[in-house]
């Protein structure tokens, strides 16, 4: 497995991975998967703003992807970024997510950011919580029942790491 910067050539596979999570998971609170065009616009906007998108690849296959972007758009938050990671369902639990989060942390440190936060959808998402904790993220709070998806109320776990 290799971690590298994402390119536009990766977008179709990234869109398929994300669509699965939107339709079947609680890591994203979207309920309709964005089209390839929409994901391309998001990618290009984040790239233009200088934020990192990474993929984990095994040969021609993308195993997962992650990115960081602004935590909030107000100027006082300019030193803080938020990460998001999505792993192909058939390779979950094999270290792909951890490698991506580590790559994002390293990229954000190199870019001079001071804090990274992760808003983890669903307090039952113990895999993502565990990955972040193993990389030094601290639990910073839980917002209870702020999302409703797949016929149930969902918490958001907030984790934070000083860079």
Protein backbone atom coordinates (compact mmCIF):
# COMPACT_ATOMS: atom_id res chain seq x y z
CA UNK A 1 0.00 0.00 0.00
CA UNK A 2 1.27 3.44 -0.93
CA UNK A 3 0.00 6.79 0.38
CA UNK A 4 0.28 9.62 -2.15
CA UNK A 5 -1.39 12.89 -3.11
CA UNK A 6 -4.70 12.37 -4.89
CA UNK A 7 -5.09 13.41 -8.52
CA UNK A 8 -8.08 13.99 -10.75
CA UNK A 9 -7.48 10.50 -12.16
CA UNK A 10 -8.47 9.09 -8.75
CA UNK A 11 -11.80 10.89 -8.52
CA UNK A 12 -14.01 8.15 -10.00
CA UNK A 13 -12.74 5.57 -7.50
CA UNK A 14 -12.96 8.08 -4.64
CA UNK A 15 -16.53 8.92 -5.61
CA UNK A 16 -17.47 5.21 -5.56
CA UNK A 17 -15.93 4.77 -2.10
CA UNK A 18 -17.71 7.83 -0.76
CA UNK A 19 -21.04 6.87 -2.36
CA UNK A 20 -20.95 3.57 -0.47
CA UNK A 21 -20.38 5.37 2.84
CA UNK A 22 -23.11 7.91 2.13
CA UNK A 23 -25.66 5.20 1.31
CA UNK A 24 -24.72 2.58 3.91
CA UNK A 25 -22.74 4.23 6.69
CA UNK A 26 -22.91 6.90 9.32
CA UNK A 27 -19.44 8.39 8.86
CA UNK A 28 -20.95 10.95 6.50
CA UNK A 29 -24.16 12.76 7.26
CA UNK A 30 -24.94 13.25 3.58
CA UNK A 31 -27.79 11.07 2.36
CA UNK A 32 -27.36 11.45 -1.41
CA UNK A 33 -23.93 10.67 -2.83
CA UNK A 34 -22.41 13.60 -4.67
CA UNK A 35 -21.94 13.10 -8.39
CA UNK A 36 -18.48 12.75 -9.85
CA UNK A 37 -18.81 16.35 -11.02
CA UNK A 38 -19.67 17.57 -7.51
CA UNK A 39 -16.80 15.65 -5.94
CA UNK A 40 -14.49 17.06 -8.61
CA UNK A 41 -15.57 20.59 -7.69
CA UNK A 42 -14.92 19.92 -4.00
CA UNK A 43 -11.52 18.45 -4.81
CA UNK A 44 -10.52 21.34 -7.05
CA UNK A 45 -11.68 23.96 -4.53
CA UNK A 46 -9.72 22.34 -1.69
CA UNK A 47 -6.65 21.93 -3.91
CA UNK A 48 -6.83 25.59 -4.94
CA UNK A 49 -6.97 26.58 -1.27
CA UNK A 50 -3.85 24.53 -0.55
CA UNK A 51 -5.41 21.66 1.41
CA UNK A 52 -4.22 18.06 1.11
CA UNK A 53 -6.09 15.11 -0.41
CA UNK A 54 -4.39 11.72 -0.15
CA UNK A 55 -5.13 8.26 -1.48
CA UNK A 56 -4.03 4.83 -0.35
CA UNK A 57 -3.37 2.73 -3.41
CA UNK A 58 -2.49 -0.85 -4.16
CA UNK A 59 -1.49 -0.94 -7.79
CA UNK A 60 -4.29 0.62 -9.83
CA UNK A 61 -6.85 0.28 -7.03
CA UNK A 62 -7.62 3.04 -4.57
CA UNK A 63 -8.17 1.50 -1.13
CA UNK A 64 -9.29 4.71 0.52
CA UNK A 65 -8.82 8.43 0.56
CA UNK A 66 -8.71 11.28 2.99
CA UNK A 67 -8.39 15.01 3.02
CA UNK A 68 -8.22 17.92 5.34
CA UNK A 69 -9.90 21.23 4.88
CA UNK A 70 -10.89 24.24 6.90
CA UNK A 71 -12.44 23.55 10.27
CA UNK A 72 -14.47 26.74 9.90
CA UNK A 73 -14.19 29.60 7.44
CA UNK A 74 -13.86 32.49 9.91
CA UNK A 75 -10.33 33.95 10.08
CA UNK A 76 -9.67 32.99 13.69
CA UNK A 77 -9.81 29.30 12.70
CA UNK A 78 -7.21 29.60 9.92
CA UNK A 79 -4.64 27.51 11.83
CA UNK A 80 -7.03 24.60 12.41
CA UNK A 81 -8.02 21.93 9.89
CA UNK A 82 -10.52 19.08 9.93
CA UNK A 83 -9.80 15.63 8.53
CA UNK A 84 -12.10 13.21 6.72
CA UNK A 85 -11.18 9.65 5.73
CA UNK A 86 -13.12 7.02 3.78
CA UNK A 87 -11.93 3.44 3.22
CA UNK A 88 -13.23 0.90 0.74
CA UNK A 89 -15.55 -1.49 2.57
CA UNK A 90 -13.68 -4.65 1.60
CA UNK A 91 -10.38 -3.47 3.10
CA UNK A 92 -11.59 -1.96 6.36
CA UNK A 93 -9.60 -3.02 9.44
CA UNK A 94 -6.37 -3.47 7.47
CA UNK A 95 -4.61 -0.23 8.44
CA UNK A 96 -5.68 1.86 5.46
CA UNK A 97 -7.52 4.47 7.53
CA UNK A 98 -4.67 4.81 10.02
CA UNK A 99 -2.12 5.29 7.23
CA UNK A 100 -4.30 7.98 5.67
CA UNK A 101 -4.86 9.87 8.93
CA UNK A 102 -1.13 9.73 9.66
CA UNK A 103 -0.41 11.09 6.19
CA UNK A 104 -2.87 13.91 6.70
CA UNK A 105 -1.37 14.80 10.08
CA UNK A 106 2.10 14.91 8.55
CA UNK A 107 0.91 17.03 5.61
CA UNK A 108 -0.89 19.47 7.92
CA UNK A 109 2.18 19.77 10.16
CA UNK A 110 4.38 20.45 7.14
CA UNK A 111 1.93 23.12 5.97
CA UNK A 112 2.17 24.88 9.33
CA UNK A 113 -1.27 24.14 10.78
CA UNK A 114 -1.47 24.04 14.58
CA UNK A 115 -4.53 21.86 15.29
CA UNK A 116 -6.40 19.07 13.54
CA UNK A 117 -9.90 18.09 14.55
CA UNK A 118 -12.00 15.17 13.51
CA UNK A 119 -15.77 15.18 13.76
CA UNK A 120 -16.57 11.48 13.73
CA UNK A 121 -20.11 10.64 12.74
CA UNK A 122 -21.68 8.12 15.09
CA UNK A 123 -20.29 7.45 18.55
CA UNK A 124 -20.52 3.74 17.68
CA UNK A 125 -17.81 4.22 15.04
CA UNK A 126 -15.21 2.70 17.35
CA UNK A 127 -12.80 1.97 14.49
CA UNK A 128 -12.40 5.63 13.53
CA UNK A 129 -12.32 6.73 17.17
CA UNK A 130 -9.64 4.12 17.87
CA UNK A 131 -7.53 5.09 14.85
CA UNK A 132 -7.56 8.74 15.83
CA UNK A 133 -6.79 7.94 19.48
CA UNK A 134 -3.87 5.71 18.44
CA UNK A 135 -2.37 8.69 16.59
CA UNK A 136 -2.61 11.04 19.57
CA UNK A 137 -6.02 12.63 19.04
CA UNK A 138 -7.79 13.41 22.30
CA UNK A 139 -11.52 13.21 22.91
CA UNK A 140 -12.74 16.81 22.98
CA UNK A 141 -16.46 16.21 23.34
CA UNK A 142 -19.55 14.49 22.05
CA UNK A 143 -22.52 16.20 20.49
CA UNK A 144 -25.50 13.99 21.27
CA UNK A 145 -28.17 13.13 18.71
CA UNK A 146 -27.31 15.92 16.28
CA UNK A 147 -27.84 13.84 13.14
CA UNK A 148 -30.58 11.52 11.93
CA UNK A 149 -29.68 8.92 9.32
CA UNK A 150 -30.58 5.32 8.55
CA UNK A 151 -33.57 5.61 10.86
CA UNK A 152 -31.62 6.48 13.99
CA UNK A 153 -30.23 9.46 15.88
CA UNK A 154 -26.48 9.88 15.68
CA UNK A 155 -23.89 11.51 17.89
CA UNK A 156 -20.77 13.28 16.65
CA UNK A 157 -17.54 12.57 18.52
CA UNK A 158 -15.06 15.44 18.44
CA UNK A 159 -11.37 14.53 18.57
CA UNK A 160 -8.46 16.95 18.44
CA UNK A 161 -4.70 16.80 17.99
CA UNK A 162 -2.15 19.54 18.48
CA UNK A 163 0.19 19.61 15.53
